[in-house]
Protein backbone atom coordinates (compact mmCIF):
# COMPACT_ATOMS: atom_id res chain seq x y z
CA UNK A 1 28.80 11.89 -28.14
CA UNK A 2 27.78 14.03 -25.15
CA UNK A 3 28.13 12.42 -21.89
CA UNK A 4 26.74 13.64 -18.51
CA UNK A 5 27.46 11.91 -15.13
CA UNK A 6 24.92 12.47 -11.91
CA UNK A 7 25.96 11.93 -8.94
CA UNK A 8 23.61 12.59 -5.32
CA UNK A 9 26.47 14.42 -3.97
CA UNK A 10 30.21 15.19 -3.12
CA UNK A 11 30.37 15.90 -0.16
CA UNK A 12 32.70 13.10 1.30
CA UNK A 13 34.72 10.14 -0.36
CA UNK A 14 33.07 6.96 0.21
CA UNK A 15 32.12 3.88 -1.65
CA UNK A 16 29.80 5.74 -4.02
CA UNK A 17 32.32 8.41 -5.03
CA UNK A 18 34.71 5.87 -5.90
CA UNK A 19 32.74 4.46 -8.48
CA UNK A 20 31.87 7.82 -9.51
CA UNK A 21 35.83 8.19 -10.19
CA UNK A 22 35.87 4.85 -11.83
CA UNK A 23 33.01 6.47 -13.98
CA UNK A 24 34.80 9.73 -14.77
CA UNK A 25 37.96 7.48 -15.82
CA UNK A 26 36.08 6.17 -18.87
CA UNK A 27 34.66 9.45 -19.15
CA UNK A 28 37.23 11.99 -18.60
CA UNK A 29 35.43 14.72 -20.43
CA UNK A 30 31.94 14.09 -19.06
CA UNK A 31 29.80 17.00 -17.23
CA UNK A 32 29.22 16.62 -13.48
CA UNK A 33 25.54 17.14 -11.98
CA UNK A 34 25.20 16.62 -8.42
CA UNK A 35 23.24 18.21 -5.44
CA UNK A 36 26.09 19.61 -3.67
CA UNK A 37 29.51 19.53 -3.92
CA UNK A 38 32.86 19.85 -1.82
CA UNK A 39 35.82 21.76 -3.00
CA UNK A 40 37.69 19.23 -0.68
CA UNK A 41 36.59 16.09 -2.63
CA UNK A 42 36.97 17.84 -5.79
CA UNK A 43 40.36 18.19 -5.14
CA UNK A 44 41.13 14.56 -3.98
CA UNK A 45 38.99 13.31 -7.08
CA UNK A 46 41.12 15.70 -9.24
CA UNK A 47 37.68 17.08 -10.77
CA UNK A 48 38.18 20.02 -12.88
CA UNK A 49 35.17 22.48 -10.98
CA UNK A 50 34.21 24.70 -14.28
CA UNK A 51 33.00 20.90 -15.50
CA UNK A 52 30.69 20.23 -12.04
CA UNK A 53 27.02 21.94 -12.12
CA UNK A 54 25.33 21.87 -8.33
CA UNK A 55 21.56 22.25 -7.99
CA UNK A 56 19.77 25.12 -6.58
CA UNK A 57 20.20 23.55 -2.80
CA UNK A 58 23.44 24.86 -2.39
CA UNK A 59 22.08 28.85 -2.83
CA UNK A 60 19.87 27.74 -0.09
CA UNK A 61 20.65 28.95 3.67
CA UNK A 62 23.50 26.87 4.76
CA UNK A 63 22.47 24.59 1.90
CA UNK A 64 26.30 23.19 0.76
CA UNK A 65 27.10 22.10 4.40
CA UNK A 66 23.66 21.36 5.70
CA UNK A 67 22.02 20.18 2.31
CA UNK A 68 20.43 16.79 3.99
CA UNK A 69 18.17 18.86 5.98
CA UNK A 70 16.41 19.64 2.40
CA UNK A 71 15.62 16.19 1.87
CA UNK A 72 12.12 17.34 0.57
CA UNK A 73 13.43 19.29 -2.20
CA UNK A 74 15.92 16.63 -3.41
CA UNK A 75 13.69 15.49 -6.03
CA UNK A 76 12.79 18.57 -7.26
CA UNK A 77 16.29 19.50 -7.46
CA UNK A 78 17.58 16.29 -9.19
CA UNK A 79 14.75 17.16 -12.00
CA UNK A 80 15.69 20.85 -12.47
CA UNK A 81 18.96 19.88 -14.64
CA UNK A 82 18.44 20.28 -17.79
CA UNK A 83 20.15 17.69 -19.81
CA UNK A 84 18.64 17.36 -23.37
CA UNK A 85 21.87 18.41 -24.98
CA UNK A 86 23.45 14.95 -24.07
CA UNK A 87 23.39 11.53 -25.86
CA UNK A 88 24.23 9.43 -22.81
CA UNK A 89 23.63 9.88 -18.94
CA UNK A 90 25.20 7.80 -16.66
CA UNK A 91 24.23 7.95 -12.88
CA UNK A 92 25.34 6.78 -9.75
CA UNK A 93 22.44 6.61 -7.13
CA UNK A 94 22.04 5.62 -3.79
CA UNK A 95 19.33 8.45 -3.57
CA UNK A 96 18.21 10.84 -6.02
CA UNK A 97 20.71 10.55 -8.84
CA UNK A 98 18.75 7.89 -11.15
CA UNK A 99 15.71 10.51 -11.11
CA UNK A 100 17.09 13.07 -13.66
CA UNK A 101 14.64 13.67 -16.72
CA UNK A 102 15.72 12.52 -19.80
CA UNK A 103 14.35 12.16 -23.59
CA UNK A 104 13.28 9.09 -25.78
CA UNK A 105 16.50 9.99 -27.81
CA UNK A 106 19.26 9.59 -24.71
CA UNK A 107 20.30 6.67 -23.09
CA UNK A 108 20.21 6.81 -19.35
CA UNK A 109 22.51 4.22 -17.50
CA UNK A 110 22.22 3.95 -13.75
CA UNK A 111 25.01 2.19 -11.69
CA UNK A 112 22.76 1.53 -8.33
CA UNK A 113 24.48 1.41 -4.72
CA UNK A 114 20.79 0.93 -3.30
CA UNK A 115 17.27 1.85 -3.31
CA UNK A 116 17.11 4.46 -0.82
CA UNK A 117 17.89 3.48 2.07
CA UNK A 118 16.04 5.42 4.88
CA UNK A 119 13.13 5.01 2.48
CA UNK A 120 12.60 1.89 2.49
CA UNK A 121 14.45 -1.03 3.99
CA UNK A 122 16.05 1.01 6.56
CA UNK A 123 12.84 2.99 7.24
CA UNK A 124 11.85 1.66 10.52
CA UNK A 125 15.25 1.45 12.00
CA UNK A 126 15.48 5.44 11.20
CA UNK A 127 12.33 6.63 12.80
CA UNK A 128 13.40 4.78 15.45
CA UNK A 129 17.00 5.85 15.67
CA UNK A 130 15.71 9.56 14.86
CA UNK A 131 12.88 9.10 17.88
CA UNK A 132 10.27 9.87 15.19
CA UNK A 133 8.06 6.83 15.77
CA UNK A 134 5.35 8.68 17.79
CA UNK A 135 2.79 10.83 16.36
CA UNK A 136 3.99 14.05 17.25
CA UNK A 137 4.21 17.20 14.51
CA UNK A 138 7.62 16.34 13.34
CA UNK A 139 7.33 12.65 13.15
CA UNK A 140 4.43 13.05 11.24
CA UNK A 141 5.72 15.60 8.68
CA UNK A 142 9.19 12.64 8.12
CA UNK A 143 6.88 9.85 7.49
CA UNK A 144 4.86 12.09 4.76
CA UNK A 145 8.09 13.03 3.37
CA UNK A 146 9.22 9.98 3.09
CA UNK A 147 6.22 8.28 1.80
CA UNK A 148 6.24 10.89 -0.90
CA UNK A 149 9.83 9.89 -1.64
CA UNK A 150 8.89 6.27 -2.01
CA UNK A 151 6.39 6.95 -4.33
CA UNK A 152 8.87 9.31 -6.52
CA UNK A 153 11.42 6.81 -6.14
CA UNK A 154 9.66 3.87 -8.05
CA UNK A 155 8.19 6.19 -10.30
CA UNK A 156 11.66 7.71 -11.18
CA UNK A 157 13.15 4.29 -11.43
CA UNK A 158 11.10 4.04 -15.25
CA UNK A 159 13.41 6.88 -16.46
CA UNK A 160 16.09 4.37 -16.46
CA UNK A 161 17.11 2.39 -19.41
CA UNK A 162 19.26 0.53 -17.69
CA UNK A 163 20.25 -0.60 -13.92
CA UNK A 164 23.86 -2.12 -12.91
CA UNK A 165 24.06 -3.33 -9.53
CA UNK A 166 27.24 -3.16 -7.35
CA UNK A 167 26.45 -6.85 -5.59
CA UNK A 168 23.78 -9.58 -6.26
CA UNK A 169 22.42 -8.04 -2.98
CA UNK A 170 21.71 -5.30 -4.49
CA UNK A 171 20.30 -6.72 -8.00
CA UNK A 172 17.04 -8.37 -5.40
CA UNK A 173 16.44 -5.58 -4.32
CA UNK A 174 16.11 -3.60 -7.21
CA UNK A 175 13.74 -5.98 -8.44
CA UNK A 176 12.36 -6.12 -4.92
CA UNK A 177 11.51 -2.27 -4.95
CA UNK A 178 12.04 -1.42 -8.80
CA UNK A 179 10.66 -4.69 -10.03
CA UNK A 180 13.62 -3.91 -12.96
CA UNK A 181 15.94 -6.39 -14.13
CA UNK A 182 19.95 -5.23 -13.54
CA UNK A 183 23.88 -6.76 -14.00
CA UNK A 184 25.69 -6.89 -11.54
CA UNK A 185 29.38 -4.87 -11.81
CA UNK A 186 30.90 -4.95 -8.47
CA UNK A 187 32.82 -1.75 -7.79
CA UNK A 188 36.47 -0.77 -8.09
CA UNK A 189 38.84 -1.46 -5.69
CA UNK A 190 42.10 -0.09 -6.37
CA UNK A 191 44.18 -3.21 -5.12
CA UNK A 192 47.33 -2.45 -6.77
CA UNK A 193 47.44 0.31 -4.17
CA UNK A 194 47.31 -2.19 -1.07
CA UNK A 195 50.52 -4.31 -0.71
CA UNK A 196 50.50 -7.83 1.26
CA UNK A 197 51.73 -7.48 4.58
CA UNK A 198 51.73 -10.88 6.29
CA UNK A 199 53.44 -9.40 9.49
CA UNK A 200 50.78 -8.71 11.53
CA UNK A 201 50.43 -6.86 14.94
CA UNK A 202 48.23 -7.77 17.92
CA UNK A 203 45.15 -5.27 17.09
CA UNK A 204 41.82 -5.62 15.65
CA UNK A 205 40.70 -2.63 13.38
CA UNK A 206 37.62 -0.69 12.17
CA UNK A 207 36.65 2.08 10.23
CA UNK A 208 33.78 3.67 9.10
CA UNK A 209 31.89 6.87 9.36
CA UNK A 210 30.20 7.07 12.63
CA UNK A 211 26.58 7.22 11.48
CA UNK A 212 23.87 4.29 12.81
CA UNK A 213 23.60 1.88 10.17
CA UNK A 214 27.55 1.04 10.41
CA UNK A 215 27.09 -0.50 13.80
CA UNK A 216 30.47 0.58 14.89
CA UNK A 217 28.97 0.79 18.26
CA UNK A 218 28.21 -2.90 18.55
CA UNK A 219 31.75 -3.40 17.72
CA UNK A 220 33.21 -0.97 20.14
CA UNK A 221 30.89 -2.15 22.93
CA UNK A 222 31.85 -6.13 21.90
CA UNK A 223 35.28 -5.54 22.58
CA UNK A 224 34.99 -3.22 25.51
CA UNK A 225 33.81 -6.60 27.21
CA UNK A 226 36.90 -8.43 25.98
CA UNK A 227 39.63 -6.48 27.55
CA UNK A 228 42.41 -8.74 26.54
CA UNK A 229 42.15 -7.47 22.80
CA UNK A 230 42.96 -4.67 21.83
CA UNK A 231 40.76 -2.72 18.80
CA UNK A 232 41.61 0.42 17.10
CA UNK A 233 38.90 2.70 15.57
CA UNK A 234 39.17 5.07 12.55
CA UNK A 235 36.45 7.71 11.23
CA UNK A 236 34.46 10.48 12.55
CA UNK A 237 31.01 11.30 12.09
CA UNK A 238 27.64 12.43 13.72
CA UNK A 239 27.79 9.37 16.58
CA UNK A 240 31.65 10.12 17.15
CA UNK A 241 31.45 11.49 20.68
CA UNK A 242 28.21 9.02 21.64
CA UNK A 243 29.83 5.51 20.55
CA UNK A 244 33.32 7.07 22.40
CA UNK A 245 31.36 6.68 25.79
CA UNK A 246 30.98 3.01 25.56
CA UNK A 247 34.32 1.99 24.84
CA UNK A 248 36.65 0.28 27.34
CA UNK A 249 40.19 1.18 28.21
CA UNK A 250 41.33 -1.50 25.39
CA UNK A 251 39.96 0.36 22.53
CA UNK A 252 41.61 3.34 20.92
CA UNK A 253 39.68 6.35 18.96
CA UNK A 254 41.87 7.28 15.74
CA UNK A 255 39.35 9.74 14.21
CA UNK A 256 40.09 11.20 10.81
CA UNK A 257 43.01 9.24 9.24
CA UNK A 258 45.05 9.62 5.73
CA UNK A 259 45.02 7.49 3.13
CA UNK A 260 48.58 6.71 4.00
CA UNK A 261 47.68 5.55 7.36
CA UNK A 262 44.96 3.85 6.57
CA UNK A 263 46.42 1.75 4.51
CA UNK A 264 49.00 1.23 6.91
CA UNK A 265 46.91 0.45 10.16
CA UNK A 266 44.45 -2.06 7.92
CA UNK A 267 47.69 -3.97 6.45
CA UNK A 268 49.05 -4.64 9.76
CA UNK A 269 46.03 -5.29 11.76
CA UNK A 270 45.44 -8.68 13.29
CA UNK A 271 41.46 -8.67 11.56
CA UNK A 272 39.59 -5.81 10.49
CA UNK A 273 35.86 -5.77 11.77
CA UNK A 274 32.59 -5.02 9.84
CA UNK A 275 29.29 -5.31 11.67
CA UNK A 276 27.34 -3.36 8.96
CA UNK A 277 24.66 -4.65 6.57
CA UNK A 278 26.44 -2.93 3.68
CA UNK A 279 25.21 -3.07 -0.56
CA UNK A 280 29.00 -4.00 -1.22
CA UNK A 281 31.18 -2.83 1.13
CA UNK A 282 34.72 -1.67 -0.46
CA UNK A 283 36.81 -1.21 2.76
CA UNK A 284 36.39 -5.02 3.79
CA UNK A 285 37.64 -5.69 0.03
CA UNK A 286 40.48 -3.15 0.84
CA UNK A 287 41.77 -5.28 4.04
CA UNK A 288 41.87 -8.63 2.18
CA UNK A 289 44.09 -6.95 -0.09
CA UNK A 290 46.37 -6.31 2.04
CA UNK A 291 46.43 -10.18 3.47
CA UNK A 292 44.23 -8.94 6.56
CA UNK A 293 41.46 -11.31 7.20
CA UNK A 294 37.94 -9.97 7.98
CA UNK A 295 35.36 -10.83 10.79
CA UNK A 296 32.06 -9.69 8.99
CA UNK A 297 28.34 -9.82 9.15
CA UNK A 298 27.39 -12.55 6.51
CA UNK A 299 24.78 -10.71 4.88
CA UNK A 300 24.77 -8.12 2.58
CA UNK A 301 27.57 -7.39 -0.15
CA UNK A 302 30.01 -9.14 2.55
CA UNK A 303 28.54 -12.34 1.82
CA UNK A 304 29.67 -12.25 -1.64
CA UNK A 305 33.39 -10.63 -0.43
CA UNK A 306 34.43 -12.72 2.65
CA UNK A 307 34.96 -16.35 2.41
CA UNK A 308 33.53 -17.56 5.79
CA UNK A 309 36.92 -19.63 6.95
CA UNK A 310 39.17 -19.03 4.15
CA UNK A 311 39.46 -15.01 4.14
CA UNK A 312 38.05 -14.13 7.34
CA UNK A 313 34.68 -15.28 9.37
CA UNK A 314 31.19 -14.23 9.45
CA UNK A 315 28.61 -14.05 12.20
CA UNK A 316 24.67 -14.11 11.30
CA UNK A 317 23.65 -11.39 13.34
CA UNK A 318 24.11 -7.89 14.75
CA UNK A 319 24.46 -8.86 18.37
CA UNK A 320 27.60 -8.75 20.63
CA UNK A 321 26.99 -12.15 21.41
CA UNK A 322 27.32 -13.20 17.73
CA UNK A 323 30.68 -10.93 16.97
CA UNK A 324 32.19 -12.69 20.33
CA UNK A 325 31.54 -15.92 19.13
CA UNK A 326 33.24 -15.02 15.57
CA UNK A 327 36.27 -13.34 17.14
CA UNK A 328 37.08 -16.88 18.85
CA UNK A 329 36.25 -18.67 15.54
CA UNK A 330 38.58 -16.56 14.27
CA UNK A 331 41.54 -17.25 16.90
CA UNK A 332 41.05 -20.75 15.91
CA UNK A 333 42.11 -19.95 12.25
CA UNK A 334 45.16 -19.85 10.90
CA UNK A 335 44.62 -17.70 7.75
CA UNK A 336 46.48 -17.87 4.49
CA UNK A 337 47.83 -14.07 3.51
CA UNK A 338 48.32 -14.70 0.58
CA UNK A 339 45.46 -16.79 -0.72
CA UNK A 340 43.13 -14.25 0.70
CA UNK A 341 44.96 -11.34 -1.53
CA UNK A 342 44.54 -13.72 -4.25
CA UNK A 343 40.59 -13.81 -3.44
CA UNK A 344 39.73 -10.26 -4.05
CA UNK A 345 42.04 -9.43 -7.02
CA UNK A 346 38.69 -10.16 -9.38
CA UNK A 347 37.38 -7.01 -7.51
CA UNK A 348 40.19 -4.45 -9.26
CA UNK A 349 39.64 -1.19 -10.58
CA UNK A 350 41.21 -2.14 -14.16
CA UNK A 351 38.47 -4.73 -14.30
CA UNK A 352 35.40 -2.49 -13.36
CA UNK A 353 36.72 -0.25 -16.00
CA UNK A 354 36.66 -2.86 -19.15
CA UNK A 355 33.19 -4.49 -17.79
CA UNK A 356 31.50 -0.97 -17.54
CA UNK A 357 32.83 -0.26 -20.99
CA UNK A 358 31.92 -3.41 -22.55
CA UNK A 359 28.40 -2.77 -21.13
CA UNK A 360 28.28 0.46 -22.13
CA UNK A 361 28.94 -0.25 -25.64
CA UNK A 362 26.70 -2.98 -25.89
CA UNK A 363 23.59 -0.95 -24.66
CA UNK A 364 24.60 2.07 -26.92
CA UNK A 365 24.83 -0.52 -29.65
CA UNK A 366 21.48 -1.77 -29.06
CA UNK A 367 19.87 2.01 -28.66
CA UNK A 368 20.99 2.94 -31.91
CA UNK A 369 19.86 0.42 -33.52
CA UNK A 370 16.48 0.57 -31.83
CA UNK A 371 15.82 4.11 -32.66
CA UNK A 372 17.16 4.29 -36.49
């Protein structure tokens, strides 16, 4: 059986790339198709460069580095791949990977991290943050592009035979946007890589790419108004300098940190703080694997992974007042670090691979029965 795995892009390592890596463990000989790939990521994920096929976008001016500027071409780029020689297509998609073209004698299973965020639920937020709410030429062009993307996104959902959702939250969104049912298989978290640490230091910790929807600015502003509480912030991104200007003297910016440094920081933290409305959120689960409680927005994926009052504390809105209240609530609770660790063992990498293998086996069997 010939297998193709399709990933939106391989330019950084985040939650989607960790899922992609888990899929490759199940199909190590699969060929890989992606809009653009960076050598550092391929090296980190131990991917054979000879098995990676990139889209025409990387041949355009600055295409490999500035591939996001070619958003209007994403759908054409993913459709340009010829996958007619493969029996099974597995896409890992939060953008356009699921839109790959297929034939009726091929089975396509999509692991969906989210319907395209900036075209659907984050559409108005995206326009606001990009100062594109008016009706100037650039604003009208972007609105037109995203309108066309929404149409293509719904049409391309019909090319998927079976959807897998990364959480119950995304299962509901897949149904809302695509009117498709899906099966929840939680992402793989390398639980064994994180050891339980019961000796905690007196600092709070957060880590993320510095982009608007991650709400690191909210966390930094809140802690800056609580000068007796120390916050450490790891991560880089386009909003790094802007967020840094919001910080008080009790907030320390660490920039990029290695996996080894991240494990130490997250395991020794008093709590991990997470303010994004995330599809699943792997880092909060990694924190809990260290026995570190999580202060998280009680929406999206973290509503399913953080147990309020047991493994952390929820806050209900992305406001400084709500986060402050959650911090004060957190400090009044005595947490059982062992219980926190045990609560996330169900998200292990082994569990993911076994569930995915079983799901694919059943769907392949049913598919072969259909086309006999």
